[in-house]
Amino acid sequence: MLVSTRTLALAAAAAVALALAPAASAVEGPAPDPRNRKAMRDMATAIAVTAKYVDERQALKDGYVPHGEACMNNPFGAGAMGYHYVKQANWGSTDPAKPTALLYSTEKDRHGRRTLQTVEWMATDRDQDLKTADDRPSMFGLPFDGPMPGHWAGMPKHYDLHMWAYKENPAGRFHNWNTALKCPKKTTTGTATTPAHGHH
């Protein structure tokens, strides 16, 4: 049985409160200008659309597939990411209602399911040259990170943008790595030749 409407409503309300909290008091990292009405509306849209994915079974049902390395520690400093569930049909999207990926927790709950933490958008670097960034996308008034190498076989050089809508990130709501997280010890981390997300 999927999660109840009440559970989804509570999750969405909590996420909206987290996302719309004043940037200065909530985070130190990158955040949209709270006076940017479009950015605020787009954030609310992203949260409203993804609230149902607090149940990872719904994500799988809607075409989000576990992809790449299970969990990635930041090879350049503190922090980690969770498990990537990617919807290939949304690759290249800058639509707040169509995130490319959902990131889930490394731990499972008592029902054996992971917890939704992050929403992510990804887009291909047009010329596949890491030295140029003239096609860098933006959302919420913020530039995507990158370009960077792919993180798994067949993944092109690309840009991405994370929004920690369901998990507080001490480094900032839109920072790529959550400095409060760490991958399980047995998980493979990024290397110098293929940086895990290439984010410094």
C-alpha atoms as a PDB file:
ATOM      1  CA  MET A   1       0.000   0.000   0.000  1.00  0.00           C
ATOM      2  CA  LEU A   2       1.339   3.428  -0.937  1.00  0.00           C
ATOM      3  CA  VAL A   3       1.737   6.208   1.585  1.00  0.00           C
ATOM      4  CA  SER A   4      -1.427   8.028   2.638  1.00  0.00           C
ATOM      5  CA  THR A   5      -2.576  11.421   1.395  1.00  0.00           C
ATOM      6  CA  ARG A   6      -2.068  12.796   4.907  1.00  0.00           C
ATOM      7  CA  THR A   7       1.547  11.573   4.942  1.00  0.00           C
ATOM      8  CA  LEU A   8       2.191  13.178   1.565  1.00  0.00           C
ATOM      9  CA  ALA A   9       0.602  16.425   2.695  1.00  0.00           C
ATOM     10  CA  LEU A  10       2.749  16.531   5.814  1.00  0.00           C
ATOM     11  CA  ALA A  11       5.892  15.748   3.810  1.00  0.00           C
ATOM     12  CA  ALA A  12       5.089  18.464   1.302  1.00  0.00           C
ATOM     13  CA  ALA A  13       4.329  21.006   4.027  1.00  0.00           C
ATOM     14  CA  ALA A  14       7.580  20.258   5.833  1.00  0.00           C
ATOM     15  CA  ALA A  15       9.563  20.458   2.607  1.00  0.00           C
ATOM     16  CA  VAL A  16       7.953  23.754   1.619  1.00  0.00           C
ATOM     17  CA  ALA A  17       8.795  25.196   5.034  1.00  0.00           C
ATOM     18  CA  LEU A  18      12.416  24.063   4.595  1.00  0.00           C
ATOM     19  CA  ALA A  19      12.657  25.370   1.045  1.00  0.00           C
ATOM     20  CA  LEU A  20      11.105  28.753   1.725  1.00  0.00           C
ATOM     21  CA  ALA A  21      12.922  29.486   4.972  1.00  0.00           C
ATOM     22  CA  PRO A  22      14.968  32.700   4.763  1.00  0.00           C
ATOM     23  CA  ALA A  23      18.275  31.831   3.120  1.00  0.00           C
ATOM     24  CA  ALA A  24      20.393  33.877   5.511  1.00  0.00           C
ATOM     25  CA  SER A  25      19.229  32.007   8.584  1.00  0.00           C
ATOM     26  CA  ALA A  26      18.736  28.574   7.062  1.00  0.00           C
ATOM     27  CA  VAL A  27      21.865  27.996   4.993  1.00  0.00           C
ATOM     28  CA  GLU A  28      25.264  29.445   4.194  1.00  0.00           C
ATOM     29  CA  GLY A  29      25.546  28.036   0.692  1.00  0.00           C
ATOM     30  CA  PRO A  30      23.866  29.079  -2.567  1.00  0.00           C
ATOM     31  CA  ALA A  31      20.164  29.881  -2.384  1.00  0.00           C
ATOM     32  CA  PRO A  32      17.675  31.761  -4.566  1.00  0.00           C
ATOM     33  CA  ASP A  33      16.876  35.369  -3.808  1.00  0.00           C
ATOM     34  CA  PRO A  34      13.673  35.185  -1.695  1.00  0.00           C
ATOM     35  CA  ARG A  35      12.437  38.262  -3.591  1.00  0.00           C
ATOM     36  CA  ASN A  36      12.558  36.288  -6.844  1.00  0.00           C
ATOM     37  CA  ARG A  37       8.909  35.282  -7.127  1.00  0.00           C
ATOM     38  CA  LYS A  38       9.454  32.915 -10.046  1.00  0.00           C
ATOM     39  CA  ALA A  39      12.211  31.090  -8.166  1.00  0.00           C
ATOM     40  CA  MET A  40       9.961  30.732  -5.124  1.00  0.00           C
ATOM     41  CA  ARG A  41       7.073  29.457  -7.244  1.00  0.00           C
ATOM     42  CA  ASP A  42       9.339  27.003  -9.070  1.00  0.00           C
ATOM     43  CA  MET A  43      10.699  25.663  -5.781  1.00  0.00           C
ATOM     44  CA  ALA A  44       7.163  25.172  -4.474  1.00  0.00           C
ATOM     45  CA  THR A  45       6.233  23.400  -7.724  1.00  0.00           C
ATOM     46  CA  ALA A  46       9.217  21.042  -7.491  1.00  0.00           C
ATOM     47  CA  ILE A  47       8.269  20.136  -3.935  1.00  0.00           C
ATOM     48  CA  ALA A  48       4.574  19.674  -4.690  1.00  0.00           C
ATOM     49  CA  VAL A  49       5.368  17.361  -7.612  1.00  0.00           C
ATOM     50  CA  THR A  50       7.983  15.256  -5.802  1.00  0.00           C
ATOM     51  CA  ALA A  51       6.211  14.898  -2.435  1.00  0.00           C
ATOM     52  CA  LYS A  52       4.698  11.585  -3.547  1.00  0.00           C
ATOM     53  CA  TYR A  53       8.203  10.192  -4.001  1.00  0.00           C
ATOM     54  CA  VAL A  54       8.774  10.041  -0.261  1.00  0.00           C
ATOM     55  CA  ASP A  55       7.695   6.462  -1.007  1.00  0.00           C
ATOM     56  CA  GLU A  56      10.462   5.116  -3.252  1.00  0.00           C
ATOM     57  CA  ARG A  57       8.030   2.573  -4.716  1.00  0.00           C
ATOM     58  CA  GLN A  58       6.183   5.463  -6.346  1.00  0.00           C
ATOM     59  CA  ALA A  59       9.440   6.707  -7.845  1.00  0.00           C
ATOM     60  CA  LEU A  60      10.105   3.281  -9.353  1.00  0.00           C
ATOM     61  CA  LYS A  61       6.539   3.124 -10.654  1.00  0.00           C
ATOM     62  CA  ASP A  62       6.986   6.493 -12.372  1.00  0.00           C
ATOM     63  CA  GLY A  63      10.193   5.493 -14.137  1.00  0.00           C
ATOM     64  CA  TYR A  64      12.954   6.553 -11.731  1.00  0.00           C
ATOM     65  CA  VAL A  65      15.561   3.791 -11.842  1.00  0.00           C
ATOM     66  CA  PRO A  66      18.514   3.273  -9.436  1.00  0.00           C
ATOM     67  CA  HIS A  67      21.583   4.276 -11.428  1.00  0.00           C
ATOM     68  CA  GLY A  68      25.334   4.710 -11.116  1.00  0.00           C
ATOM     69  CA  GLU A  69      27.366   4.178  -7.972  1.00  0.00           C
ATOM     70  CA  ALA A  70      25.252   3.350  -4.942  1.00  0.00           C
ATOM     71  CA  CYS A  71      26.518   6.238  -2.840  1.00  0.00           C
ATOM     72  CA  MET A  72      29.246   8.804  -3.416  1.00  0.00           C
ATOM     73  CA  ASN A  73      31.460  10.455  -0.828  1.00  0.00           C
ATOM     74  CA  ASN A  74      32.883  13.854  -1.724  1.00  0.00           C
ATOM     75  CA  PRO A  75      36.463  13.170  -2.905  1.00  0.00           C
ATOM     76  CA  PHE A  76      37.329  16.847  -2.401  1.00  0.00           C
ATOM     77  CA  GLY A  77      36.130  17.311   1.177  1.00  0.00           C
ATOM     78  CA  ALA A  78      33.302  16.613   3.595  1.00  0.00           C
ATOM     79  CA  GLY A  79      29.920  15.312   2.598  1.00  0.00           C
ATOM     80  CA  ALA A  80      28.160  12.699   0.519  1.00  0.00           C
ATOM     81  CA  MET A  81      25.152  12.066  -1.682  1.00  0.00           C
ATOM     82  CA  GLY A  82      22.564   9.345  -1.480  1.00  0.00           C
ATOM     83  CA  TYR A  83      21.320   6.785  -3.980  1.00  0.00           C
ATOM     84  CA  HIS A  84      20.485   8.172  -7.449  1.00  0.00           C
ATOM     85  CA  TYR A  85      17.186   7.166  -9.053  1.00  0.00           C
ATOM     86  CA  VAL A  86      17.222   8.563 -12.615  1.00  0.00           C
ATOM     87  CA  LYS A  87      14.358   9.115 -15.058  1.00  0.00           C
ATOM     88  CA  GLN A  88      15.984   9.196 -18.483  1.00  0.00           C
ATOM     89  CA  ALA A  89      12.910  10.802 -20.068  1.00  0.00           C
ATOM     90  CA  ASN A  90      13.599  13.885 -17.919  1.00  0.00           C
ATOM     91  CA  TRP A  91      17.255  14.190 -18.913  1.00  0.00           C
ATOM     92  CA  GLY A  92      18.012  17.791 -19.897  1.00  0.00           C
ATOM     93  CA  SER A  93      14.943  19.137 -18.133  1.00  0.00           C
ATOM     94  CA  THR A  94      14.941  22.576 -16.539  1.00  0.00           C
ATOM     95  CA  ASP A  95      11.282  22.164 -15.643  1.00  0.00           C
ATOM     96  CA  PRO A  96      10.771  22.223 -11.854  1.00  0.00           C
ATOM     97  CA  ALA A  97       8.045  19.610 -12.310  1.00  0.00           C
ATOM     98  CA  LYS A  98      10.364  17.207 -14.167  1.00  0.00           C
ATOM     99  CA  PRO A  99      13.538  16.515 -12.175  1.00  0.00           C
ATOM    100  CA  THR A 100      16.039  14.153 -13.766  1.00  0.00           C
ATOM    101  CA  ALA A 101      16.895  12.342 -10.555  1.00  0.00           C
ATOM    102  CA  LEU A 102      15.762  11.705  -7.003  1.00  0.00           C
ATOM    103  CA  LEU A 103      18.359  10.978  -4.335  1.00  0.00           C
ATOM    104  CA  TYR A 104      17.494   8.619  -1.500  1.00  0.00           C
ATOM    105  CA  SER A 105      19.086   7.956   1.878  1.00  0.00           C
ATOM    106  CA  THR A 106      21.838   5.416   2.461  1.00  0.00           C
ATOM    107  CA  GLU A 107      19.835   4.020   5.390  1.00  0.00           C
ATOM    108  CA  LYS A 108      16.519   2.185   5.159  1.00  0.00           C
ATOM    109  CA  ASP A 109      13.497   2.594   7.420  1.00  0.00           C
ATOM    110  CA  ARG A 110      11.864  -0.197   9.403  1.00  0.00           C
ATOM    111  CA  HIS A 111       9.984  -1.241   6.263  1.00  0.00           C
ATOM    112  CA  GLY A 112      13.217  -1.617   4.314  1.00  0.00           C
ATOM    113  CA  ARG A 113      12.675   1.507   2.226  1.00  0.00           C
ATOM    114  CA  ARG A 114      14.913   4.512   1.644  1.00  0.00           C
ATOM    115  CA  THR A 115      13.996   8.120   2.431  1.00  0.00           C
ATOM    116  CA  LEU A 116      13.818  10.847  -0.219  1.00  0.00           C
ATOM    117  CA  GLN A 117      16.380  13.581   0.421  1.00  0.00           C
ATOM    118  CA  THR A 118      17.222  15.445  -2.768  1.00  0.00           C
ATOM    119  CA  VAL A 119      15.817  16.451  -6.141  1.00  0.00           C
ATOM    120  CA  GLU A 120      18.272  16.889  -9.025  1.00  0.00           C
ATOM    121  CA  TRP A 121      18.255  18.197 -12.590  1.00  0.00           C
ATOM    122  CA  MET A 122      20.890  17.151 -15.158  1.00  0.00           C
ATOM    123  CA  ALA A 123      21.693  18.407 -18.657  1.00  0.00           C
ATOM    124  CA  THR A 124      24.303  17.408 -21.250  1.00  0.00           C
ATOM    125  CA  ASP A 125      27.244  19.729 -21.918  1.00  0.00           C
ATOM    126  CA  ARG A 126      26.671  20.544 -25.586  1.00  0.00           C
ATOM    127  CA  ASP A 127      30.293  20.521 -26.804  1.00  0.00           C
ATOM    128  CA  GLN A 128      31.541  17.924 -24.286  1.00  0.00           C
ATOM    129  CA  ASP A 129      34.435  20.237 -23.461  1.00  0.00           C
ATOM    130  CA  LEU A 130      35.032  20.713 -19.741  1.00  0.00           C
ATOM    131  CA  LYS A 131      36.854  23.982 -20.442  1.00  0.00           C
ATOM    132  CA  THR A 132      33.770  25.765 -21.829  1.00  0.00           C
ATOM    133  CA  ALA A 133      30.476  26.572 -20.147  1.00  0.00           C
ATOM    134  CA  ASP A 134      28.600  28.842 -22.562  1.00  0.00           C
ATOM    135  CA  ASP A 135      25.543  26.553 -22.445  1.00  0.00           C
ATOM    136  CA  ARG A 136      25.295  26.353 -18.640  1.00  0.00           C
ATOM    137  CA  PRO A 137      21.607  26.038 -17.619  1.00  0.00           C
ATOM    138  CA  SER A 138      20.062  27.756 -14.626  1.00  0.00           C
ATOM    139  CA  MET A 139      17.014  27.263 -12.410  1.00  0.00           C
ATOM    140  CA  PHE A 140      15.656  29.118  -9.385  1.00  0.00           C
ATOM    141  CA  GLY A 141      17.953  31.974 -10.352  1.00  0.00           C
ATOM    142  CA  LEU A 142      21.000  29.744  -9.770  1.00  0.00           C
ATOM    143  CA  PRO A 143      23.521  28.359 -12.298  1.00  0.00           C
ATOM    144  CA  PHE A 144      23.962  24.613 -12.649  1.00  0.00           C
ATOM    145  CA  ASP A 145      27.260  23.147 -11.474  1.00  0.00           C
ATOM    146  CA  GLY A 146      29.706  21.835 -14.066  1.00  0.00           C
ATOM    147  CA  PRO A 147      30.443  20.858 -16.687  1.00  0.00           C
ATOM    148  CA  MET A 148      31.783  17.641 -15.222  1.00  0.00           C
ATOM    149  CA  PRO A 149      32.565  14.063 -16.336  1.00  0.00           C
ATOM    150  CA  GLY A 150      29.850  11.426 -16.334  1.00  0.00           C
ATOM    151  CA  HIS A 151      29.493   9.351 -13.184  1.00  0.00           C
ATOM    152  CA  TRP A 152      28.682   5.997 -14.764  1.00  0.00           C
ATOM    153  CA  ALA A 153      29.187   4.195 -18.078  1.00  0.00           C
ATOM    154  CA  GLY A 154      27.549   6.034 -20.963  1.00  0.00           C
ATOM    155  CA  MET A 155      26.826   9.204 -19.001  1.00  0.00           C
ATOM    156  CA  PRO A 156      28.020  12.298 -20.927  1.00  0.00           C
ATOM    157  CA  LYS A 157      29.833  15.325 -19.592  1.00  0.00           C
ATOM    158  CA  HIS A 158      27.088  17.386 -18.066  1.00  0.00           C
ATOM    159  CA  TYR A 159      25.783  20.048 -15.693  1.00  0.00           C
ATOM    160  CA  ASP A 160      23.596  19.441 -12.659  1.00  0.00           C
ATOM    161  CA  LEU A 161      21.727  21.198  -9.881  1.00  0.00           C
ATOM    162  CA  HIS A 162      20.696  19.681  -6.544  1.00  0.00           C
ATOM    163  CA  MET A 163      17.920  20.867  -4.269  1.00  0.00           C
ATOM    164  CA  TRP A 164      17.986  19.325  -0.787  1.00  0.00           C
ATOM    165  CA  ALA A 165      14.241  19.715  -0.377  1.00  0.00           C
ATOM    166  CA  TYR A 166      13.712  16.797   2.002  1.00  0.00           C
ATOM    167  CA  LYS A 167      16.920  16.789   4.023  1.00  0.00           C
ATOM    168  CA  GLU A 168      18.618  19.735   5.699  1.00  0.00           C
ATOM    169  CA  ASN A 169      22.087  20.409   4.318  1.00  0.00           C
ATOM    170  CA  PRO A 170      24.422  22.472   6.551  1.00  0.00           C
ATOM    171  CA  ALA A 171      26.386  23.505   3.451  1.00  0.00           C
ATOM    172  CA  GLY A 172      23.321  24.987   1.759  1.00  0.00           C
ATOM    173  CA  ARG A 173      20.073  23.818   0.237  1.00  0.00           C
ATOM    174  CA  PHE A 174      21.542  23.897  -3.281  1.00  0.00           C
ATOM    175  CA  HIS A 175      25.039  22.669  -2.418  1.00  0.00           C
ATOM    176  CA  ASN A 176      25.910  19.455  -4.245  1.00  0.00           C
ATOM    177  CA  TRP A 177      27.284  17.596  -1.220  1.00  0.00           C
ATOM    178  CA  ASN A 178      25.504  17.292   2.111  1.00  0.00           C
ATOM    179  CA  THR A 179      28.212  17.818   4.718  1.00  0.00           C
ATOM    180  CA  ALA A 180      26.126  16.041   7.359  1.00  0.00           C
ATOM    181  CA  LEU A 181      26.138  12.779   5.388  1.00  0.00           C
ATOM    182  CA  LYS A 182      28.692  10.037   4.871  1.00  0.00           C
ATOM    183  CA  CYS A 183      28.452   6.924   2.728  1.00  0.00           C
ATOM    184  CA  PRO A 184      28.735   3.458   4.255  1.00  0.00           C
ATOM    185  CA  LYS A 185      32.377   2.381   4.573  1.00  0.00           C
ATOM    186  CA  LYS A 186      32.127  -0.351   1.945  1.00  0.00           C
ATOM    187  CA  THR A 187      30.801   2.030  -0.738  1.00  0.00           C
ATOM    188  CA  THR A 188      33.080   3.054  -3.600  1.00  0.00           C
ATOM    189  CA  THR A 189      34.034   6.717  -3.553  1.00  0.00           C
ATOM    190  CA  GLY A 190      35.088   9.054  -6.319  1.00  0.00           C
ATOM    191  CA  THR A 191      38.591   8.899  -7.743  1.00  0.00           C
ATOM    192  CA  ALA A 192      40.968  11.413  -9.267  1.00  0.00           C
ATOM    193  CA  THR A 193      40.283  10.085 -12.751  1.00  0.00           C
ATOM    194  CA  THR A 194      36.490   9.965 -12.431  1.00  0.00           C
ATOM    195  CA  PRO A 195      35.475  12.379  -9.699  1.00  0.00           C
ATOM    196  CA  ALA A 196      32.208  11.528  -7.991  1.00  0.00           C
ATOM    197  CA  HIS A 197      30.127  14.392  -9.351  1.00  0.00           C
ATOM    198  CA  GLY A 198      33.285  16.415  -9.865  1.00  0.00           C
ATOM    199  CA  HIS A 199      32.044  19.011  -7.376  1.00  0.00           C
ATOM    200  CA  HIS A 200      34.617  20.945  -5.433  1.00  0.00           C
END
